[in-house]
Amino acid sequence: MEKLKVHILRRAYRHTYIGRRHMSIDDFRQGLPKHERDMSKIEKTVKELINEGYLIPMKLGRVSINPQMLDKIREIV
């Protein structure tokens, strides 16, 4: 799995953004090196994770972890 995907899943899992609790896509920039903080790349990766079923889209550019995929996410993280 890509480094950016692992970073996004690890950040959401560590802060327990699971199910009804959600976080902004902009917050995934934190913790990345400055040369990797490209929002277009982050948004594209988040959309891929949504299509794969790892994340659930919420309103207004927010996402949370899909509780049904929690076991797979624990293995990745």
C-alpha atoms as a PDB file:
ATOM      1  CA  MET A   1       0.000   0.000   0.000  1.00  0.00           C
ATOM      2  CA  GLU A   2       1.206   3.511  -0.770  1.00  0.00           C
ATOM      3  CA  LYS A   3       2.911   5.565   1.909  1.00  0.00           C
ATOM      4  CA  LEU A   4       0.299   8.342   1.687  1.00  0.00           C
ATOM      5  CA  LYS A   5      -2.596   5.891   2.085  1.00  0.00           C
ATOM      6  CA  VAL A   6      -0.982   4.401   5.170  1.00  0.00           C
ATOM      7  CA  HIS A   7      -0.414   7.898   6.597  1.00  0.00           C
ATOM      8  CA  ILE A   8      -4.081   8.832   6.112  1.00  0.00           C
ATOM      9  CA  LEU A   9      -5.401   5.608   7.642  1.00  0.00           C
ATOM     10  CA  ARG A  10      -2.922   5.750  10.531  1.00  0.00           C
ATOM     11  CA  ARG A  11      -3.821   9.345  11.340  1.00  0.00           C
ATOM     12  CA  ALA A  12      -7.574   8.695  11.290  1.00  0.00           C
ATOM     13  CA  TYR A  13      -7.204   5.470  13.305  1.00  0.00           C
ATOM     14  CA  ARG A  14      -4.860   6.951  15.894  1.00  0.00           C
ATOM     15  CA  HIS A  15      -7.273   9.808  16.604  1.00  0.00           C
ATOM     16  CA  THR A  16     -10.254   7.379  16.570  1.00  0.00           C
ATOM     17  CA  TYR A  17     -12.198   8.969  13.711  1.00  0.00           C
ATOM     18  CA  ILE A  18     -14.392   5.901  13.293  1.00  0.00           C
ATOM     19  CA  GLY A  19     -18.039   5.808  12.261  1.00  0.00           C
ATOM     20  CA  ARG A  20     -19.923   8.938  13.259  1.00  0.00           C
ATOM     21  CA  ARG A  21     -16.818  10.887  14.338  1.00  0.00           C
ATOM     22  CA  HIS A  22     -15.149  12.534  11.351  1.00  0.00           C
ATOM     23  CA  MET A  23     -12.226  14.778  10.401  1.00  0.00           C
ATOM     24  CA  SER A  24     -11.499  17.271   7.645  1.00  0.00           C
ATOM     25  CA  ILE A  25      -9.472  16.209   4.622  1.00  0.00           C
ATOM     26  CA  ASP A  26      -7.260  19.275   5.154  1.00  0.00           C
ATOM     27  CA  ASP A  27      -6.022  17.838   8.460  1.00  0.00           C
ATOM     28  CA  PHE A  28      -4.249  14.968   6.693  1.00  0.00           C
ATOM     29  CA  ARG A  29      -1.506  17.412   5.578  1.00  0.00           C
ATOM     30  CA  GLN A  30      -0.208  17.593   9.129  1.00  0.00           C
ATOM     31  CA  GLY A  31       2.638  15.217   9.806  1.00  0.00           C
ATOM     32  CA  LEU A  32       3.785  15.052   6.190  1.00  0.00           C
ATOM     33  CA  PRO A  33       7.051  16.528   4.911  1.00  0.00           C
ATOM     34  CA  LYS A  34       6.627  19.896   3.171  1.00  0.00           C
ATOM     35  CA  HIS A  35       7.303  18.476  -0.282  1.00  0.00           C
ATOM     36  CA  GLU A  36       4.417  15.969   0.126  1.00  0.00           C
ATOM     37  CA  ARG A  37       1.726  18.415   1.292  1.00  0.00           C
ATOM     38  CA  ASP A  38       0.072  18.705  -2.116  1.00  0.00           C
ATOM     39  CA  MET A  39      -3.694  18.892  -1.490  1.00  0.00           C
ATOM     40  CA  SER A  40      -4.612  17.594  -4.948  1.00  0.00           C
ATOM     41  CA  LYS A  41      -2.610  14.414  -4.297  1.00  0.00           C
ATOM     42  CA  ILE A  42      -4.127  14.033  -0.809  1.00  0.00           C
ATOM     43  CA  GLU A  43      -7.680  14.517  -2.111  1.00  0.00           C
ATOM     44  CA  LYS A  44      -7.070  11.982  -4.889  1.00  0.00           C
ATOM     45  CA  THR A  45      -5.739   9.439  -2.376  1.00  0.00           C
ATOM     46  CA  VAL A  46      -8.720  10.003  -0.058  1.00  0.00           C
ATOM     47  CA  LYS A  47     -11.099   9.391  -2.984  1.00  0.00           C
ATOM     48  CA  GLU A  48      -9.254   6.134  -3.739  1.00  0.00           C
ATOM     49  CA  LEU A  49      -9.630   5.044  -0.103  1.00  0.00           C
ATOM     50  CA  ILE A  50     -13.349   5.875  -0.249  1.00  0.00           C
ATOM     51  CA  ASN A  51     -13.727   3.781  -3.418  1.00  0.00           C
ATOM     52  CA  GLU A  52     -11.847   0.897  -1.776  1.00  0.00           C
ATOM     53  CA  GLY A  53     -14.223   1.075   1.210  1.00  0.00           C
ATOM     54  CA  TYR A  54     -11.734   2.092   3.899  1.00  0.00           C
ATOM     55  CA  LEU A  55     -13.185   5.576   4.448  1.00  0.00           C
ATOM     56  CA  ILE A  56     -16.738   6.900   4.556  1.00  0.00           C
ATOM     57  CA  PRO A  57     -17.438  10.343   3.056  1.00  0.00           C
ATOM     58  CA  MET A  58     -19.261  12.753   5.336  1.00  0.00           C
ATOM     59  CA  LYS A  59     -20.623  16.195   4.582  1.00  0.00           C
ATOM     60  CA  LEU A  60     -18.476  19.247   3.826  1.00  0.00           C
ATOM     61  CA  GLY A  61     -15.188  17.541   2.932  1.00  0.00           C
ATOM     62  CA  ARG A  62     -14.956  15.310   5.965  1.00  0.00           C
ATOM     63  CA  VAL A  63     -14.271  11.566   6.209  1.00  0.00           C
ATOM     64  CA  SER A  64     -14.235   8.821   8.811  1.00  0.00           C
ATOM     65  CA  ILE A  65     -13.084   5.214   8.956  1.00  0.00           C
ATOM     66  CA  ASN A  66     -15.549   2.559   7.855  1.00  0.00           C
ATOM     67  CA  PRO A  67     -16.206   0.444  10.997  1.00  0.00           C
ATOM     68  CA  GLN A  68     -16.688  -2.683   8.858  1.00  0.00           C
ATOM     69  CA  MET A  69     -13.105  -2.382   7.548  1.00  0.00           C
ATOM     70  CA  LEU A  70     -11.572  -1.833  10.989  1.00  0.00           C
ATOM     71  CA  ASP A  71      -9.858  -5.263  11.139  1.00  0.00           C
ATOM     72  CA  LYS A  72      -8.088  -4.703   7.805  1.00  0.00           C
ATOM     73  CA  ILE A  73      -7.062  -1.198   8.857  1.00  0.00           C
ATOM     74  CA  ARG A  74      -5.552  -2.528  12.088  1.00  0.00           C
ATOM     75  CA  GLU A  75      -3.395  -4.895  10.028  1.00  0.00           C
ATOM     76  CA  ILE A  76      -2.229  -2.044   7.785  1.00  0.00           C
ATOM     77  CA  VAL A  77      -1.490   0.341  10.638  1.00  0.00           C
END
